[in-house]
Amino acid sequence: MIGLAVRNIPTDLMRSFVKAIDGGSFTRAAEMVGRTQSAVSLQIKRLEDVVGVRLFQRDAHNLQLTAQGRTFAQYARRMLALNDEVLALMQSPDVSGRVRLGAPSEYTDSLLPRLLGRFAQAHPNVMLEVTSDLSKNLLSRQQNGEFDLVIALHDDIQGGGGKPVHTEPLIWFTSADHFGHMQSPLPLVLAPPPCVYRRRMLQQLNRETKPCRIAYLSSSHSAVLAAVRAGLGVTAMAQSTVPDDVRPLGAADGLSPLGHLDVRLHRRATAESEEAIDYLETYIAEHLGQAGSVGAG
């Protein structure tokens, strides 16, 4: 008896599929993988032909995964992570050097330890120096020569430079045990300027002429979370960094959506540790969105 033909799923198709999810559109996916929008659209169609199911429900405004698409996305991320890790191990066991990385505190507290841990296993001779700060502060410090790479949040989707690697919705949340969102004026827990979360929240509330007050102000990410958990007020952060033990808020709670933020990689021109920087830049670009999907800017 002749068995069924074995079909293989090309990794480039899966990568464009995952980037379309992370970016929210084929256009954003094209920027991330270095192809045209039409080429990415064709890749998704080919992928659907290979797996034999519809992965996206398309409309004029955004991409929504089908039930099969959500299931496939989980496997696609795992397959790509394994593909990339084994290639890193085989191709670059001897890469070495020092990389100075700047990242927002919420990423260094939540997503980056796991992601950088896997990178360190594949590249044990690379020394990582990781510094946390607000995104705009990190970019200013990079201009002064302090960082080789910076992961930065951008609230201006069209400008600001850098390499787009991920797009995240901004989510309101409050304590699981308190009801600060029902107060008027709305009590806010914020970081000081130039926090992009702060700017987006205040812009939205001012646009709606919704009364608000700053109930707690801190530049410490852990202090902001502690204040929210204690019931001092509400705040907002990138979705992948919102803790599991808080209560997300939305339109039903009287708070309108805050839109999306770009996550971009900024690289400083340098003559030192170029190879190590290359590998870390590529690794973060490929895996940051995956880390955020399984799990103060």
Protein backbone atom coordinates (compact mmCIF):
# COMPACT_ATOMS: atom_id res chain seq x y z
CA MET A 1 0.00 0.00 0.00
CA ILE A 2 1.33 3.38 -0.93
CA GLY A 3 1.31 5.77 2.02
CA LEU A 4 0.13 9.33 1.96
CA ALA A 5 2.62 11.81 0.59
CA VAL A 6 4.46 13.69 3.31
CA ARG A 7 3.99 17.45 3.13
CA ASN A 8 6.49 19.88 4.61
CA ILE A 9 5.67 23.37 5.80
CA PRO A 10 8.29 25.90 4.59
CA THR A 11 9.63 27.96 7.46
CA ASP A 12 9.63 31.18 5.42
CA LEU A 13 5.86 30.87 5.03
CA MET A 14 5.41 30.29 8.74
CA ARG A 15 7.65 33.25 9.56
CA SER A 16 5.60 35.62 7.42
CA PHE A 17 2.43 34.21 8.98
CA VAL A 18 3.70 34.88 12.50
CA LYS A 19 4.88 38.37 11.57
CA ALA A 20 1.45 39.13 10.10
CA ILE A 21 -0.08 38.21 13.46
CA ASP A 22 2.44 40.27 15.42
CA GLY A 23 2.17 43.28 13.10
CA GLY A 24 -1.57 43.11 12.56
CA SER A 25 -1.32 43.39 8.77
CA PHE A 26 0.45 42.01 5.72
CA THR A 27 2.03 45.45 5.22
CA ARG A 28 3.66 45.40 8.66
CA ALA A 29 4.72 41.77 8.13
CA ALA A 30 6.37 42.77 4.84
CA GLU A 31 8.46 45.41 6.63
CA MET A 32 9.60 42.87 9.20
CA VAL A 33 10.61 40.12 6.75
CA GLY A 34 11.95 42.40 4.02
CA ARG A 35 9.41 41.58 1.32
CA THR A 36 6.63 43.41 -0.47
CA GLN A 37 3.06 43.35 0.81
CA SER A 38 1.92 41.39 -2.22
CA ALA A 39 4.66 38.81 -1.70
CA VAL A 40 3.59 38.27 1.93
CA SER A 41 -0.04 37.99 0.87
CA LEU A 42 0.97 35.31 -1.64
CA GLN A 43 2.99 33.50 1.03
CA ILE A 44 -0.02 33.35 3.34
CA LYS A 45 -2.15 31.96 0.50
CA ARG A 46 0.50 29.30 -0.20
CA LEU A 47 0.64 28.43 3.51
CA GLU A 48 -3.13 28.00 3.63
CA ASP A 49 -2.89 25.73 0.60
CA VAL A 50 -0.20 23.61 2.29
CA VAL A 51 -2.05 23.17 5.59
CA GLY A 52 -5.44 22.90 3.90
CA VAL A 53 -7.34 25.39 6.08
CA ARG A 54 -8.15 29.09 6.17
CA LEU A 55 -5.87 30.80 8.71
CA PHE A 56 -7.16 34.39 8.59
CA GLN A 57 -10.58 35.97 8.44
CA ARG A 58 -9.81 38.99 6.29
CA ASP A 59 -11.68 42.27 6.32
CA ALA A 60 -10.93 45.81 5.24
CA HIS A 61 -9.46 46.90 8.57
CA ASN A 62 -7.53 44.12 10.27
CA LEU A 63 -6.60 40.45 10.33
CA GLN A 64 -8.38 38.04 12.62
CA LEU A 65 -7.24 34.45 13.06
CA THR A 66 -9.68 31.64 12.46
CA ALA A 67 -9.94 28.92 15.11
CA GLN A 68 -7.58 26.77 13.01
CA GLY A 69 -5.30 29.77 12.60
CA ARG A 70 -5.00 30.23 16.36
CA THR A 71 -4.08 26.58 16.79
CA PHE A 72 -1.58 26.66 13.94
CA ALA A 73 0.03 29.84 15.28
CA GLN A 74 0.99 28.08 18.52
CA TYR A 75 2.76 25.30 16.62
CA ALA A 76 4.31 27.70 14.09
CA ARG A 77 5.97 29.73 16.86
CA ARG A 78 7.38 26.59 18.48
CA MET A 79 8.65 25.24 15.15
CA LEU A 80 10.32 28.54 14.25
CA ALA A 81 11.92 28.83 17.69
CA LEU A 82 13.38 25.33 17.39
CA ASN A 83 14.54 26.01 13.83
CA ASP A 84 16.31 29.21 14.84
CA GLU A 85 17.89 27.77 17.98
CA VAL A 86 19.40 24.76 16.23
CA LEU A 87 20.78 26.98 13.46
CA ALA A 88 22.33 29.28 16.05
CA LEU A 89 23.98 26.33 17.76
CA MET A 90 25.30 24.84 14.53
CA GLN A 91 26.45 28.00 12.78
CA SER A 92 27.94 30.17 15.49
CA PRO A 93 29.27 28.23 18.49
CA ASP A 94 32.33 30.48 18.81
CA VAL A 95 30.85 33.96 18.48
CA SER A 96 31.99 36.14 21.36
CA GLY A 97 32.05 39.73 22.54
CA ARG A 98 30.14 42.21 24.67
CA VAL A 99 26.74 43.66 23.76
CA ARG A 100 25.22 46.59 25.65
CA LEU A 101 21.44 46.30 25.42
CA GLY A 102 18.91 48.88 26.58
CA ALA A 103 15.24 47.92 27.05
CA PRO A 104 12.11 49.21 28.80
CA SER A 105 11.79 47.95 32.38
CA GLU A 106 8.60 45.98 31.74
CA TYR A 107 10.40 43.94 29.06
CA THR A 108 13.47 43.27 31.20
CA ASP A 109 11.17 42.16 34.02
CA SER A 110 8.88 39.91 31.98
CA LEU A 111 9.91 38.79 28.49
CA LEU A 112 13.64 39.31 28.13
CA PRO A 113 15.00 37.01 30.86
CA ARG A 114 13.58 33.93 29.13
CA LEU A 115 14.49 35.14 25.64
CA LEU A 116 18.03 36.19 26.57
CA GLY A 117 18.49 32.98 28.52
CA ARG A 118 17.95 30.97 25.37
CA PHE A 119 20.30 33.26 23.45
CA ALA A 120 22.99 32.77 26.13
CA GLN A 121 22.69 29.00 25.85
CA ALA A 122 23.33 29.20 22.12
CA HIS A 123 26.09 31.83 22.49
CA PRO A 124 27.79 31.26 25.86
CA ASN A 125 30.78 33.47 24.99
CA VAL A 126 28.69 36.61 24.47
CA MET A 127 28.53 38.88 27.51
CA LEU A 128 25.26 40.81 27.79
CA GLU A 129 24.99 44.11 29.66
CA VAL A 130 21.28 44.96 30.03
CA THR A 131 20.04 48.35 31.24
CA SER A 132 16.43 49.39 31.90
CA ASP A 133 14.92 52.84 31.35
CA LEU A 134 12.10 54.62 29.56
CA SER A 135 12.27 54.15 25.80
CA LYS A 136 12.94 57.81 24.96
CA ASN A 137 15.67 57.97 27.62
CA LEU A 138 17.29 54.85 26.21
CA LEU A 139 17.40 56.33 22.71
CA SER A 140 18.96 59.54 24.01
CA ARG A 141 21.55 57.55 25.91
CA GLN A 142 22.28 55.46 22.82
CA GLN A 143 23.11 58.65 20.92
CA ASN A 144 25.68 59.32 23.63
CA GLY A 145 27.28 55.95 22.96
CA GLU A 146 25.95 53.97 25.95
CA PHE A 147 24.22 51.14 24.05
CA ASP A 148 24.85 48.93 21.04
CA LEU A 149 21.19 47.89 20.76
CA VAL A 150 18.02 49.43 22.16
CA ILE A 151 14.54 47.92 22.27
CA ALA A 152 12.19 50.91 22.23
CA LEU A 153 8.46 51.50 22.24
CA HIS A 154 7.14 54.05 19.73
CA ASP A 155 3.74 55.69 19.89
CA ASP A 156 4.28 57.35 16.50
CA ILE A 157 3.85 54.41 14.13
CA GLN A 158 5.09 56.38 11.09
CA GLY A 159 8.27 57.93 12.50
CA GLY A 160 11.13 57.55 14.93
CA GLY A 161 13.48 55.27 12.99
CA GLY A 162 14.57 51.83 14.07
CA LYS A 163 13.67 48.38 12.76
CA PRO A 164 10.05 47.32 13.45
CA VAL A 165 10.00 43.91 15.13
CA HIS A 166 6.62 43.75 16.86
CA THR A 167 3.35 45.64 17.35
CA GLU A 168 1.48 45.55 20.65
CA PRO A 169 -1.93 46.78 21.79
CA LEU A 170 -1.89 49.03 24.84
CA ILE A 171 -4.11 47.64 27.62
CA TRP A 172 -5.78 49.42 30.54
CA PHE A 173 -5.74 47.49 33.82
CA THR A 174 -6.44 47.85 37.53
CA SER A 175 -6.22 45.84 40.73
CA ALA A 176 -8.14 42.57 40.79
CA ASP A 177 -9.56 43.55 44.20
CA HIS A 178 -10.37 47.27 43.77
CA PHE A 179 -12.59 49.45 41.62
CA GLY A 180 -10.59 52.61 40.99
CA HIS A 181 -11.79 52.69 37.38
CA MET A 182 -15.29 53.52 38.67
CA GLN A 183 -14.14 56.71 40.41
CA SER A 184 -14.41 60.22 38.99
CA PRO A 185 -12.00 61.77 38.39
CA LEU A 186 -10.24 58.60 37.23
CA PRO A 187 -7.17 57.91 39.43
CA LEU A 188 -4.07 57.22 37.33
CA VAL A 189 -0.82 55.46 38.22
CA LEU A 190 1.84 56.86 35.88
CA ALA A 191 5.53 57.13 35.18
CA PRO A 192 6.98 60.62 34.64
CA PRO A 193 7.65 62.06 31.17
CA PRO A 194 8.82 61.00 28.63
CA CYS A 195 6.88 57.74 29.18
CA VAL A 196 4.99 56.80 26.00
CA TYR A 197 2.29 55.00 28.03
CA ARG A 198 1.66 58.18 30.03
CA ARG A 199 1.43 60.27 26.88
CA ARG A 200 -1.02 57.89 25.18
CA MET A 201 -3.27 57.61 28.27
CA LEU A 202 -3.46 61.35 28.86
CA GLN A 203 -4.04 62.10 25.18
CA GLN A 204 -6.95 59.64 25.06
CA LEU A 205 -8.56 60.90 28.26
CA ASN A 206 -8.17 64.54 27.19
CA ARG A 207 -9.65 63.72 23.80
CA GLU A 208 -12.71 62.29 25.52
CA THR A 209 -12.75 65.09 28.16
CA LYS A 210 -12.86 62.35 30.79
CA PRO A 211 -11.92 63.73 34.24
CA CYS A 212 -8.74 62.22 35.65
CA ARG A 213 -6.09 62.85 38.29
CA ILE A 214 -2.60 61.50 38.91
CA ALA A 215 -2.89 59.43 42.07
CA TYR A 216 0.62 57.93 42.03
CA LEU A 217 3.78 58.82 40.14
CA SER A 218 6.93 56.70 39.95
CA SER A 219 9.73 56.01 37.48
CA SER A 220 9.98 52.45 38.84
CA HIS A 221 8.10 49.81 36.88
CA SER A 222 7.78 47.55 39.94
CA ALA A 223 6.48 50.49 42.01
CA VAL A 224 3.84 51.30 39.38
CA LEU A 225 2.64 47.69 39.45
CA ALA A 226 2.63 47.63 43.24
CA ALA A 227 0.54 50.81 43.35
CA VAL A 228 -2.00 49.39 40.90
CA ARG A 229 -2.22 46.12 42.83
CA ALA A 230 -2.77 48.11 46.02
CA GLY A 231 -5.75 49.87 44.45
CA LEU A 232 -4.28 53.35 44.06
CA GLY A 233 -5.49 53.67 40.48
CA VAL A 234 -5.40 52.37 36.91
CA THR A 235 -2.66 52.36 34.30
CA ALA A 236 -1.87 50.89 30.88
CA MET A 237 1.00 48.88 29.41
CA ALA A 238 1.87 46.82 26.35
CA GLN A 239 -0.32 43.73 26.36
CA SER A 240 2.47 41.16 26.63
CA THR A 241 3.80 42.82 29.79
CA VAL A 242 0.50 43.09 31.69
CA PRO A 243 0.71 40.78 34.76
CA ASP A 244 -1.68 37.86 35.15
CA ASP A 245 -2.89 38.95 38.61
CA VAL A 246 -4.52 42.24 37.56
CA ARG A 247 -7.86 43.05 35.92
CA PRO A 248 -7.80 44.22 32.28
CA LEU A 249 -10.21 47.06 31.50
CA GLY A 250 -12.00 48.00 28.32
CA ALA A 251 -14.95 49.79 26.78
CA ALA A 252 -17.40 48.01 29.09
CA ASP A 253 -15.56 49.65 32.00
CA GLY A 254 -15.76 53.12 30.45
CA LEU A 255 -12.21 53.14 29.04
CA SER A 256 -11.70 53.36 25.28
CA PRO A 257 -9.01 51.38 23.46
CA LEU A 258 -5.59 53.01 23.41
CA GLY A 259 -4.46 51.62 20.09
CA HIS A 260 -1.13 49.96 19.35
CA LEU A 261 2.54 50.71 19.93
CA ASP A 262 5.47 49.78 17.73
CA VAL A 263 8.38 47.84 19.23
CA ARG A 264 11.56 48.66 17.30
CA LEU A 265 15.22 47.77 17.46
CA HIS A 266 17.76 50.59 17.23
CA ARG A 267 21.38 49.79 16.48
CA ARG A 268 24.31 52.11 17.01
CA ALA A 269 27.09 52.03 14.45
CA THR A 270 30.06 50.48 16.19
CA ALA A 271 33.31 48.73 15.35
CA GLU A 272 33.35 46.47 18.42
CA SER A 273 31.69 43.06 18.82
CA GLU A 274 29.97 43.45 15.43
CA GLU A 275 29.33 39.72 15.06
CA ALA A 276 27.85 39.36 18.54
CA ILE A 277 25.62 42.38 17.95
CA ASP A 278 24.50 40.93 14.61
CA TYR A 279 23.41 37.68 16.24
CA LEU A 280 21.61 39.34 19.15
CA GLU A 281 19.84 41.80 16.87
CA THR A 282 18.60 39.00 14.63
CA TYR A 283 17.60 36.84 17.59
CA ILE A 284 15.56 39.59 19.26
CA ALA A 285 13.91 40.57 15.97
CA GLU A 286 12.81 36.99 15.36
CA HIS A 287 11.80 36.02 18.89
CA LEU A 288 10.50 39.06 20.78
CA GLY A 289 7.01 38.76 19.33
CA GLN A 290 6.98 35.03 20.02
CA ALA A 291 7.98 35.62 23.66
CA GLY A 292 5.25 38.22 24.03
CA SER A 293 2.63 35.88 22.60
CA VAL A 294 3.31 33.17 25.13
CA GLY A 295 3.42 34.90 27.98
CA ALA A 296 6.92 51.95 31.93
CA GLY A 297 7.74 52.46 28.33
